[in-house]
Structures are given as structure tokens and as C-alpha cells.
Amino acid sequence: MDRLTGRERQVLALLGGGLPTRALASKLGIAERTVKSHITHIIGKLELESRLEAALVANIHHDLICPGAIGGFHG
């Protein structure tokens, strides 16, 4: 997770919540193509195969992505 930027961590946390690209973009105030770019970088940096795999990683390792979160998903 150390290879991810702060923004990539935000995107990954929200991705773990199952939000589609458009909703992620809206929530973060960025363009959809920027979200897609972040997701591509996340998948590459974490050596994953897909967006689904990234979402699963986000849920499994939520405490590493959002160290301040207490209980439940706060993405």
C-alpha cells in the first residue's frame, strides 16, 4: 500500500464500497477519466488483475488504506 499516493488510496477506499466510476468521480470532484487513470495505476502498483480484485483488496485491507477508520467501512 505504500506505493499508492494519497489520492489513489482515496479512490481505492471508495472502490471498495462498490461505487461505479461516475459516482467515484462525483464524490471526489474529479473527471471520470481521472478516476479510471487512478484505478489503472492502483491495479498496476498492487500487481492486481482487475478492478474487482482491487475492490476486494480494499475491503480486506481497509485498515491499511484508511488507518484512522474505526469499525466498519468508512470509504
Protein backbone atom coordinates (compact mmCIF):
# COMPACT_ATOMS: atom_id res chain seq x y z
CA MET A 1 0.00 0.00 0.00
CA ASP A 2 3.00 2.30 0.49
CA ARG A 3 3.34 2.66 -3.28
CA LEU A 4 -0.06 4.37 -3.56
CA THR A 5 -0.48 8.13 -3.49
CA GLY A 6 -2.97 9.70 -1.12
CA ARG A 7 -5.48 10.17 -3.92
CA GLU A 8 -5.05 6.58 -5.09
CA ARG A 9 -5.79 5.45 -1.53
CA GLN A 10 -8.97 7.55 -1.56
CA VAL A 11 -10.05 6.03 -4.86
CA LEU A 12 -9.24 2.52 -3.64
CA ALA A 13 -11.22 3.01 -0.42
CA LEU A 14 -14.26 4.23 -2.37
CA LEU A 15 -13.82 1.47 -4.92
CA GLY A 16 -14.11 -0.99 -2.06
CA GLY A 17 -17.55 0.41 -1.39
CA GLY A 18 -18.69 -0.75 -4.82
CA LEU A 19 -19.24 2.69 -6.33
CA PRO A 20 -19.22 2.95 -10.13
CA THR A 21 -16.72 5.24 -11.86
CA ARG A 22 -19.21 8.08 -12.32
CA ALA A 23 -20.11 8.08 -8.61
CA LEU A 24 -16.44 7.95 -7.61
CA ALA A 25 -15.70 10.93 -9.85
CA SER A 26 -18.62 12.89 -8.46
CA LYS A 27 -17.71 12.13 -4.85
CA LEU A 28 -14.08 13.15 -5.40
CA GLY A 29 -14.84 16.13 -7.65
CA ILE A 30 -12.70 14.82 -10.50
CA ALA A 31 -13.31 13.64 -14.05
CA GLU A 32 -14.32 10.04 -14.79
CA ARG A 33 -11.23 9.56 -16.94
CA THR A 34 -9.09 10.66 -13.97
CA VAL A 35 -10.77 8.02 -11.79
CA LYS A 36 -10.10 5.42 -14.49
CA SER A 37 -6.46 6.51 -14.60
CA HIS A 38 -6.14 6.20 -10.82
CA ILE A 39 -7.71 2.73 -10.92
CA THR A 40 -5.29 1.67 -13.66
CA HIS A 41 -2.35 2.91 -11.56
CA ILE A 42 -3.70 1.16 -8.44
CA ILE A 43 -4.08 -2.14 -10.30
CA GLY A 44 -0.56 -1.83 -11.69
CA LYS A 45 1.13 -0.78 -8.46
CA LEU A 46 -0.54 -3.52 -6.44
CA GLU A 47 0.04 -6.08 -9.22
CA LEU A 48 -3.64 -6.94 -9.45
CA GLU A 49 -5.63 -8.28 -12.39
CA SER A 50 -8.86 -6.26 -12.29
CA ARG A 51 -10.99 -3.55 -10.74
CA LEU A 52 -12.91 -6.27 -8.87
CA GLU A 53 -9.70 -7.59 -7.36
CA ALA A 54 -8.80 -4.03 -6.29
CA ALA A 55 -12.20 -3.66 -4.61
CA LEU A 56 -11.66 -6.92 -2.74
CA VAL A 57 -8.21 -5.78 -1.61
CA ALA A 58 -9.75 -2.50 -0.45
CA ASN A 59 -12.19 -4.36 1.76
CA ILE A 60 -9.68 -6.87 3.12
CA HIS A 61 -7.01 -4.24 3.84
CA HIS A 62 -9.23 -1.29 4.72
CA ASP A 63 -7.26 -0.60 7.91
CA LEU A 64 -4.09 -0.10 5.84
CA ILE A 65 -5.81 2.22 3.38
CA CYS A 66 -7.70 4.27 5.99
CA PRO A 67 -5.74 3.90 9.22
CA GLY A 68 -7.98 6.36 11.10
CA ALA A 69 -11.22 4.44 10.45
CA ILE A 70 -12.74 2.72 13.46
CA GLY A 71 -15.01 -0.26 12.77
CA GLY A 72 -16.93 -0.83 9.54
CA PHE A 73 -16.22 0.67 6.17
CA HIS A 74 -15.71 4.43 6.12
CA GLY A 75 -14.65 4.88 2.50
